[in-house]
Amino acid sequence: MGDGSAEFIPVLLGGDANAYGMARSFHEEFGVRSRVVCKGAFHICLHSRLLSVDVVEPRLDEDDVFVRALLSYARQLHGEEPSKRLLLVSCGDNYTRLLVRHQDVLRDEYAFRVVSPQLFELFSTKGRFYRTCERYGLPLPATCEVSREEALGGWASPLPFPVAVKPSDDVAYRRCSFPGKKKAYVARDQAELGRILALVYASDYDGPMIVQDFVPGDDSAMRVVNCYSNGRGRVTMAVLGHVLLEEHTPEGIGSYGAIMTGFDDALIGCIRRFLEDVGYVGFSNFDLKYDRRDGTCKLLELNPRQGRSSYFATASGVNLARHAAYDAVFGRELPFQTARPADQVLWTMVPLSVVAAYSAEEAAGKARRLQAQGKVRRTYWGGADRSPLRWLSYQMNQRNYRRQYAECFGRRHGDD
């Protein structure tokens, strides 16, 4: 099906690296050009042969605008290509939340997989996710959930320092803007924790904050798992990534700069059983951290969509788009698939010089080995999407990464 004559049109909700990675996956598997609907498109989605940014609606995160824009666009596409089905894929947390909320009215126009509103509530905030994980016996760091009232009332952490500090409601937090804002923080003592909580709650963010045992280790202790569960709730793909380097800008903390395909059948099996037990459907993305104190990987977060770095799974031989399309469009159940050692690659968003300079020594050595074997894959540049304009855009992107790491590397504490 790689000749461009696919029986469907992928419609991607989002204009960032996640959406572009999905567009590459669809093109590599089916030869099809994706369509993008978003609030605004990043440079990675511009000047592309793999996708077209067809709808840019700054108010797309409003319920009525979201539904109206998607129904109007579906009518347009059906008019242009009436024989093709529309496969809708969310590439962002808020888009997923809106799609879950309005799935019934959109199903007549689009094929897609999302969980029910009731199940989504179990994962809609970190606090709810952690409580769900506890019921299923999944390994978690020791965690406290703190309300605005408690935080401003002098709440003292019962956990030993350092602690990780992050919002429970990512979608609400993303809407806020204030000086010193970071995606997540590390507090070294009670005084620094108090300053972080006061800073956050001086903004219009009103949701709970998570205060959590900080699992020791550098970026290379992080793990990420991308999964797809079909409409029957069966996991048909799961790929583990061993993070070599994270991003370090305030807004980029928690995003990954370089990942090596990883292998851990026991961990994959644990996550697979959890998803199937709760009846999950659609894409899911787990962030974990290896805890050398007890030799376990601790779950940190579940995102109800594929991750920004999820193209690493496709680059490792497990194409995300294939599983979504065969399930939601063709109604075929694929056998379970995961990456194997022969599929191992180094996926990177950042320059290889940055990976070498800022990764831990062992991680940098693994990156050099894969580079020497010619097993480097990039989301932004490569494949069928090469042109002078994209090359210029890619080089500017890489230059910006070199500057950002020089300015921001290691600055994760609240007082940094």
Protein backbone atom coordinates (compact mmCIF):
# COMPACT_ATOMS: atom_id res chain seq x y z
CA MET A 1 0.00 0.00 0.00
CA GLY A 2 2.95 2.34 -0.45
CA ASP A 3 1.99 3.69 -3.87
CA GLY A 4 0.01 6.72 -2.73
CA SER A 5 -3.37 5.07 -3.55
CA ALA A 6 -4.40 4.46 0.06
CA GLU A 7 -8.10 4.06 0.71
CA PHE A 8 -8.06 6.70 3.41
CA ILE A 9 -6.75 10.16 4.28
CA PRO A 10 -4.92 10.66 7.60
CA VAL A 11 -6.12 13.82 9.38
CA LEU A 12 -3.72 14.83 12.14
CA LEU A 13 -4.69 17.07 15.04
CA GLY A 14 -1.57 19.09 15.83
CA GLY A 15 1.19 21.00 14.10
CA ASP A 16 4.33 19.93 15.98
CA ALA A 17 7.01 17.22 15.82
CA ASN A 18 4.49 14.59 16.96
CA ALA A 19 2.23 15.35 13.98
CA TYR A 20 5.15 15.41 11.56
CA GLY A 21 6.43 12.07 12.87
CA MET A 22 2.99 10.56 12.32
CA ALA A 23 2.89 12.01 8.80
CA ARG A 24 6.25 10.37 8.06
CA SER A 25 4.94 7.08 9.43
CA PHE A 26 1.82 7.21 7.23
CA HIS A 27 3.87 8.12 4.16
CA GLU A 28 6.44 5.37 4.75
CA GLU A 29 3.76 2.70 5.19
CA PHE A 30 1.06 3.79 2.74
CA GLY A 31 2.61 6.46 0.49
CA VAL A 32 -0.16 8.83 1.53
CA ARG A 33 0.01 12.56 2.29
CA SER A 34 -1.49 13.54 5.63
CA ARG A 35 -3.68 16.57 6.29
CA VAL A 36 -3.14 18.72 9.36
CA VAL A 37 -5.69 20.60 11.48
CA CYS A 38 -4.14 22.67 14.26
CA LYS A 39 -4.01 25.91 16.23
CA GLY A 40 -0.69 26.76 14.62
CA ALA A 41 2.04 24.91 12.77
CA PHE A 42 5.69 24.70 13.84
CA HIS A 43 8.51 24.93 11.32
CA ILE A 44 8.88 21.15 11.19
CA CYS A 45 5.47 20.93 9.48
CA LEU A 46 6.19 23.56 6.83
CA HIS A 47 7.55 23.09 3.28
CA SER A 48 6.71 19.38 3.47
CA ARG A 49 5.83 16.83 0.81
CA LEU A 50 4.43 14.50 3.47
CA LEU A 51 1.65 16.69 4.83
CA SER A 52 -0.38 19.79 4.11
CA VAL A 53 -1.45 22.20 6.84
CA ASP A 54 -5.03 22.73 5.72
CA VAL A 55 -6.79 24.21 8.75
CA VAL A 56 -5.19 26.67 11.16
CA GLU A 57 -7.70 27.76 13.79
CA PRO A 58 -6.29 29.66 16.80
CA ARG A 59 -9.41 28.81 18.83
CA LEU A 60 -9.33 25.09 18.07
CA ASP A 61 -9.07 24.27 21.78
CA GLU A 62 -12.61 25.60 22.33
CA ASP A 63 -15.28 22.90 22.26
CA ASP A 64 -17.70 24.42 19.77
CA VAL A 65 -14.90 25.61 17.46
CA PHE A 66 -13.24 22.18 17.58
CA VAL A 67 -16.41 20.35 16.53
CA ARG A 68 -17.42 22.90 13.92
CA ALA A 69 -13.95 23.00 12.33
CA LEU A 70 -13.66 19.21 12.09
CA LEU A 71 -17.17 18.69 10.69
CA SER A 72 -16.66 21.45 8.13
CA TYR A 73 -13.30 20.04 7.08
CA ALA A 74 -14.75 16.52 6.78
CA ARG A 75 -17.42 17.81 4.40
CA GLN A 76 -14.70 19.49 2.35
CA LEU A 77 -12.60 16.33 2.11
CA HIS A 78 -15.61 14.13 1.30
CA GLY A 79 -16.42 16.53 -1.51
CA GLU A 80 -12.88 16.28 -2.90
CA GLU A 81 -12.39 12.51 -2.47
CA PRO A 82 -15.75 10.91 -1.65
CA SER A 83 -14.47 7.32 -1.83
CA LYS A 84 -11.85 7.73 0.89
CA ARG A 85 -12.34 7.34 4.63
CA LEU A 86 -10.89 9.89 7.02
CA LEU A 87 -8.62 8.56 9.77
CA LEU A 88 -8.40 11.08 12.62
CA VAL A 89 -5.31 10.95 14.87
CA SER A 90 -4.78 13.25 17.84
CA CYS A 91 -1.22 14.48 18.36
CA GLY A 92 -1.72 16.52 21.52
CA ASP A 93 -3.16 16.18 25.02
CA ASN A 94 -5.85 18.83 24.66
CA TYR A 95 -6.89 17.57 21.23
CA THR A 96 -7.28 14.10 22.76
CA ARG A 97 -9.37 15.52 25.58
CA LEU A 98 -11.63 17.29 23.09
CA LEU A 99 -11.87 14.22 20.87
CA VAL A 100 -12.89 12.05 23.82
CA ARG A 101 -15.51 14.60 24.82
CA HIS A 102 -17.03 14.93 21.33
CA GLN A 103 -16.40 11.46 19.89
CA ASP A 104 -20.05 10.61 19.34
CA VAL A 105 -20.75 13.57 17.05
CA LEU A 106 -17.53 13.05 15.04
CA ARG A 107 -17.79 9.29 14.42
CA ASP A 108 -20.10 9.69 11.42
CA GLU A 109 -17.34 11.59 9.57
CA TYR A 110 -14.07 10.13 10.89
CA ALA A 111 -12.59 6.79 11.86
CA PHE A 112 -10.56 6.93 15.09
CA ARG A 113 -9.86 5.19 18.37
CA VAL A 114 -10.10 6.90 21.75
CA VAL A 115 -11.13 5.74 25.19
CA SER A 116 -14.53 6.44 26.72
CA PRO A 117 -15.00 9.64 28.74
CA GLN A 118 -15.28 7.50 31.88
CA LEU A 119 -11.95 5.74 31.27
CA PHE A 120 -10.29 8.98 30.21
CA GLU A 121 -11.10 10.43 33.63
CA LEU A 122 -8.83 7.81 35.20
CA PHE A 123 -5.87 9.24 33.25
CA SER A 124 -6.87 12.88 32.81
CA THR A 125 -4.58 14.15 35.57
CA LYS A 126 -1.40 12.73 37.06
CA GLY A 127 -3.10 12.37 40.44
CA ARG A 128 -5.86 10.18 39.00
CA PHE A 129 -3.34 8.21 36.96
CA TYR A 130 -1.22 7.45 40.03
CA ARG A 131 -4.25 6.29 42.00
CA THR A 132 -5.22 4.01 39.10
CA CYS A 133 -1.68 2.60 38.96
CA GLU A 134 -1.71 1.94 42.70
CA ARG A 135 -4.87 -0.16 42.31
CA TYR A 136 -3.07 -2.28 39.70
CA GLY A 137 0.14 -2.59 41.70
CA LEU A 138 2.34 -0.73 39.20
CA PRO A 139 5.65 0.68 40.53
CA LEU A 140 5.50 4.41 41.28
CA PRO A 141 7.70 6.91 43.12
CA ALA A 142 6.31 8.00 46.50
CA THR A 143 3.86 10.78 45.63
CA CYS A 144 1.83 13.56 47.25
CA GLU A 145 -0.88 15.64 45.59
CA VAL A 146 -1.06 19.21 46.90
CA SER A 147 -3.93 21.67 46.41
CA ARG A 148 -3.55 25.41 46.07
CA GLU A 149 -4.97 25.91 49.57
CA GLU A 150 -2.53 23.45 51.11
CA ALA A 151 0.44 24.87 49.22
CA LEU A 152 -0.29 28.46 50.19
CA GLY A 153 -1.06 27.38 53.75
CA GLY A 154 2.52 26.30 54.43
CA TRP A 155 2.28 22.62 53.43
CA ALA A 156 5.43 20.70 54.36
CA SER A 157 6.58 17.74 52.30
CA PRO A 158 6.68 14.41 54.16
CA LEU A 159 9.06 13.10 51.48
CA PRO A 160 12.84 13.40 51.76
CA PHE A 161 14.52 15.89 49.44
CA PRO A 162 15.16 16.32 46.59
CA VAL A 163 11.62 16.07 45.22
CA ALA A 164 10.18 16.46 41.74
CA VAL A 165 7.42 19.07 41.41
CA LYS A 166 5.00 19.18 38.47
CA PRO A 167 1.39 20.08 37.66
CA SER A 168 -1.22 17.36 37.94
CA ASP A 169 -3.29 18.87 35.10
CA ASP A 170 -0.95 19.37 32.14
CA VAL A 171 -3.60 20.83 29.87
CA ALA A 172 -4.62 23.56 32.33
CA TYR A 173 -0.98 24.30 33.17
CA ARG A 174 -0.05 24.65 29.51
CA ARG A 175 -2.53 27.52 29.17
CA CYS A 176 -0.76 29.52 31.89
CA SER A 177 2.11 31.90 31.31
CA PHE A 178 4.28 33.37 34.06
CA PRO A 179 7.93 34.28 34.67
CA GLY A 180 10.00 31.31 35.78
CA LYS A 181 7.53 28.75 34.41
CA LYS A 182 8.98 25.29 33.77
CA LYS A 183 7.32 22.09 32.67
CA ALA A 184 8.65 20.43 35.84
CA TYR A 185 10.91 21.41 38.74
CA VAL A 186 13.28 19.81 41.22
CA ALA A 187 13.29 21.18 44.79
CA ARG A 188 16.36 20.58 46.95
CA ASP A 189 14.80 21.59 50.26
CA GLN A 190 11.55 22.80 51.84
CA ALA A 191 12.35 26.47 51.26
CA GLU A 192 12.88 25.90 47.52
CA LEU A 193 9.70 23.81 47.34
CA GLY A 194 7.76 26.63 48.97
CA ARG A 195 9.11 29.13 46.44
CA ILE A 196 8.14 26.86 43.53
CA LEU A 197 4.58 26.37 44.79
CA ALA A 198 4.18 30.09 45.48
CA LEU A 199 5.45 30.89 41.97
CA VAL A 200 3.00 28.48 40.32
CA TYR A 201 0.00 29.56 42.37
CA ALA A 202 0.69 33.24 41.76
CA SER A 203 -0.43 32.41 38.20
CA ASP A 204 -3.94 31.45 37.12
CA TYR A 205 -3.18 27.72 37.40
CA ASP A 206 -5.61 26.38 39.98
CA GLY A 207 -5.16 22.60 39.75
CA PRO A 208 -3.25 20.37 42.14
CA MET A 209 0.54 20.01 42.08
CA ILE A 210 2.38 16.71 42.32
CA VAL A 211 5.30 16.44 44.74
CA GLN A 212 7.17 13.22 44.20
CA ASP A 213 10.24 11.34 45.33
CA PHE A 214 12.97 12.32 42.88
CA VAL A 215 14.32 9.13 41.33
CA PRO A 216 18.10 9.64 41.11
CA GLY A 217 19.91 9.37 37.81
CA ASP A 218 20.78 11.40 34.75
CA ASP A 219 18.81 11.59 31.50
CA SER A 220 19.88 8.08 30.50
CA ALA A 221 17.83 6.63 33.38
CA MET A 222 14.64 7.65 31.54
CA ARG A 223 12.58 5.18 29.55
CA VAL A 224 9.61 5.70 27.22
CA VAL A 225 7.10 3.20 25.88
CA ASN A 226 4.74 3.87 22.96
CA CYS A 227 1.77 1.53 22.51
CA TYR A 228 -1.28 1.06 20.35
CA SER A 229 -4.43 -0.72 21.58
CA ASN A 230 -7.02 -1.69 18.99
CA GLY A 231 -10.78 -1.23 19.20
CA ARG A 232 -11.12 -4.51 21.13
CA GLY A 233 -8.67 -3.27 23.78
CA ARG A 234 -5.87 -5.54 22.62
CA VAL A 235 -2.34 -4.10 22.55
CA THR A 236 -0.95 -4.72 19.05
CA MET A 237 2.32 -2.78 19.38
CA ALA A 238 4.63 -1.62 22.15
CA VAL A 239 8.13 -0.23 21.69
CA LEU A 240 10.55 0.70 24.47
CA GLY A 241 12.93 3.62 24.12
CA HIS A 242 16.07 4.05 26.24
CA VAL A 243 16.52 7.80 26.55
CA LEU A 244 20.06 9.10 26.10
CA LEU A 245 19.36 12.82 26.37
CA GLU A 246 16.37 14.96 27.36
CA GLU A 247 15.66 18.53 26.37
CA HIS A 248 16.64 21.11 28.97
CA THR A 249 14.80 24.34 28.15
CA PRO A 250 12.13 25.32 30.73
CA GLU A 251 9.32 24.40 28.33
CA GLY A 252 11.14 21.35 26.94
CA ILE A 253 11.83 19.50 30.19
CA GLY A 254 10.30 16.05 29.89
CA SER A 255 10.71 15.94 26.12
CA TYR A 256 13.39 13.73 24.62
CA GLY A 257 16.30 14.81 22.46
CA ALA A 258 17.84 11.40 21.70
CA ILE A 259 16.55 7.85 22.19
CA MET A 260 18.01 4.42 21.54
CA THR A 261 15.66 1.49 20.90
CA GLY A 262 15.43 -0.49 24.13
CA PHE A 263 14.47 -4.04 25.05
CA ASP A 264 12.75 -5.26 28.22
CA ASP A 265 10.12 -7.94 27.69
CA ALA A 266 9.10 -7.93 31.35
CA LEU A 267 8.42 -4.18 31.36
CA ILE A 268 6.56 -4.34 28.04
CA GLY A 269 4.51 -7.24 29.38
CA CYS A 270 3.59 -5.31 32.54
CA ILE A 271 2.37 -2.30 30.58
CA ARG A 272 0.57 -4.49 28.07
CA ARG A 273 -1.35 -6.30 30.82
CA PHE A 274 -2.27 -3.00 32.47
CA LEU A 275 -3.67 -1.50 29.25
CA GLU A 276 -5.66 -4.62 28.41
CA ASP A 277 -6.99 -4.96 31.97
CA VAL A 278 -8.39 -1.41 31.99
CA GLY A 279 -9.77 -1.72 28.42
CA TYR A 280 -7.65 1.03 26.93
CA VAL A 281 -7.97 1.81 23.18
CA GLY A 282 -5.83 4.00 20.90
CA PHE A 283 -2.30 5.32 21.32
CA SER A 284 -0.62 5.61 24.70
CA ASN A 285 2.76 6.92 25.77
CA PHE A 286 4.41 6.01 29.10
CA ASP A 287 7.29 7.90 30.70
CA LEU A 288 9.32 5.92 33.24
CA LYS A 289 12.61 6.22 35.09
CA TYR A 290 14.93 3.40 36.09
CA ASP A 291 15.49 3.48 39.84
CA ARG A 292 18.92 2.04 40.63
CA ARG A 293 17.99 1.89 44.32
CA ASP A 294 15.71 -1.11 43.79
CA GLY A 295 16.27 -2.04 40.14
CA THR A 296 12.74 -1.16 38.97
CA CYS A 297 11.37 1.25 36.39
CA LYS A 298 9.00 3.71 38.07
CA LEU A 299 6.02 5.01 36.11
CA LEU A 300 5.94 8.79 35.95
CA GLU A 301 3.25 9.60 33.41
CA LEU A 302 0.76 8.24 30.88
CA ASN A 303 -0.10 10.43 27.90
CA PRO A 304 -3.29 9.42 26.03
CA ARG A 305 -1.63 9.76 22.62
CA GLN A 306 1.65 8.83 20.95
CA GLY A 307 4.67 10.79 22.21
CA ARG A 308 6.42 13.70 20.54
CA SER A 309 9.40 11.38 20.05
CA SER A 310 7.27 8.43 18.92
CA TYR A 311 8.77 8.30 15.43
CA PHE A 312 11.58 6.34 17.09
CA ALA A 313 9.16 3.38 17.12
CA THR A 314 8.58 3.60 13.37
CA ALA A 315 12.34 4.02 12.84
CA SER A 316 12.81 0.82 14.87
CA GLY A 317 10.63 -1.16 12.46
CA VAL A 318 7.28 -0.87 14.26
CA ASN A 319 5.24 1.62 12.24
CA LEU A 320 2.69 3.41 14.41
CA ALA A 321 0.54 4.41 11.45
CA ARG A 322 0.24 0.82 10.24
CA HIS A 323 -1.36 -0.29 13.49
CA ALA A 324 -3.78 2.65 13.62
CA ALA A 325 -4.91 2.27 10.01
CA TYR A 326 -5.26 -1.52 9.96
CA ASP A 327 -7.41 -1.29 13.08
CA ALA A 328 -9.59 1.80 12.59
CA VAL A 329 -9.84 1.82 8.77
CA PHE A 330 -9.45 -1.78 7.58
CA GLY A 331 -10.82 -3.54 10.67
CA ARG A 332 -7.95 -6.02 10.75
CA GLU A 333 -6.31 -7.21 13.96
CA LEU A 334 -2.56 -7.33 13.62
CA PRO A 335 -0.40 -9.70 15.69
CA PHE A 336 1.50 -8.10 18.55
CA GLN A 337 4.69 -6.38 17.43
CA THR A 338 7.67 -4.94 19.28
CA ALA A 339 11.21 -4.00 18.31
CA ARG A 340 14.01 -6.55 18.49
CA PRO A 341 17.79 -6.12 18.85
CA ALA A 342 18.36 -6.21 15.08
CA ASP A 343 16.02 -3.19 14.78
CA GLN A 344 17.97 -0.99 17.19
CA VAL A 345 18.51 2.61 16.04
CA LEU A 346 19.55 5.94 17.49
CA TRP A 347 16.71 8.41 17.02
CA THR A 348 17.58 12.07 17.57
CA MET A 349 15.98 15.49 17.32
CA VAL A 350 19.20 17.24 18.34
CA PRO A 351 22.61 17.41 16.61
CA LEU A 352 24.89 14.42 17.15
CA SER A 353 27.47 16.85 18.54
CA VAL A 354 24.97 17.74 21.29
CA VAL A 355 24.37 14.06 22.07
CA ALA A 356 28.12 13.55 22.35
CA ALA A 357 28.73 16.65 24.48
CA TYR A 358 25.82 16.45 26.95
CA SER A 359 24.95 12.75 27.32
CA ALA A 360 26.37 10.72 30.17
CA GLU A 361 29.58 8.94 29.19
CA GLU A 362 28.02 5.49 28.80
CA ALA A 363 25.08 6.88 26.83
CA ALA A 364 27.39 8.84 24.54
CA GLY A 365 29.35 5.66 23.87
CA LYS A 366 26.17 3.82 22.85
CA ALA A 367 25.28 6.70 20.53
CA ARG A 368 28.72 6.56 18.89
CA ARG A 369 28.36 2.82 18.32
CA LEU A 370 25.03 3.20 16.53
CA GLN A 371 26.33 6.18 14.57
CA ALA A 372 29.30 4.11 13.38
CA GLN A 373 26.86 1.41 12.22
CA GLY A 374 24.86 3.95 10.20
CA LYS A 375 21.81 3.48 12.42
CA VAL A 376 20.90 7.11 13.05
CA ARG A 377 17.33 8.25 12.31
CA ARG A 378 15.87 11.75 12.54
CA THR A 379 12.27 12.95 12.50
CA TYR A 380 12.95 16.38 10.99
CA TRP A 381 15.25 15.45 8.11
CA GLY A 382 15.34 12.40 5.89
CA GLY A 383 13.27 10.03 3.84
CA ALA A 384 11.20 11.45 0.99
CA ASP A 385 10.94 14.94 2.47
CA ARG A 386 14.11 16.67 1.28
CA SER A 387 14.23 20.10 -0.28
CA PRO A 388 16.40 23.24 -0.02
CA LEU A 389 13.78 24.97 2.14
CA ARG A 390 13.51 22.04 4.53
CA TRP A 391 17.30 21.75 4.70
CA LEU A 392 17.53 25.42 5.67
CA SER A 393 14.77 25.00 8.25
CA TYR A 394 16.42 21.88 9.66
CA GLN A 395 19.82 23.59 9.95
CA MET A 396 18.24 26.52 11.81
CA ASN A 397 16.54 24.05 14.14
CA GLN A 398 19.84 22.29 14.86
CA ARG A 399 21.62 25.59 15.48
CA ASN A 400 18.91 26.54 17.97
CA TYR A 401 19.39 23.25 19.82
CA ARG A 402 23.14 23.86 20.15
CA ARG A 403 22.44 27.29 21.63
CA GLN A 404 19.70 25.99 23.97
CA TYR A 405 21.87 23.24 25.46
CA ALA A 406 24.74 25.69 25.98
CA GLU A 407 22.39 28.03 27.86
CA CYS A 408 20.06 25.65 29.69
CA PHE A 409 21.72 22.28 30.29
CA GLY A 410 21.24 21.06 33.86
CA ARG A 411 19.08 23.99 35.02
CA ARG A 412 16.11 22.14 36.47
CA HIS A 413 15.98 23.35 40.05
CA GLY A 414 13.37 25.89 41.04
CA ASP A 415 16.00 28.52 41.82
CA ASP A 416 18.00 28.01 38.58
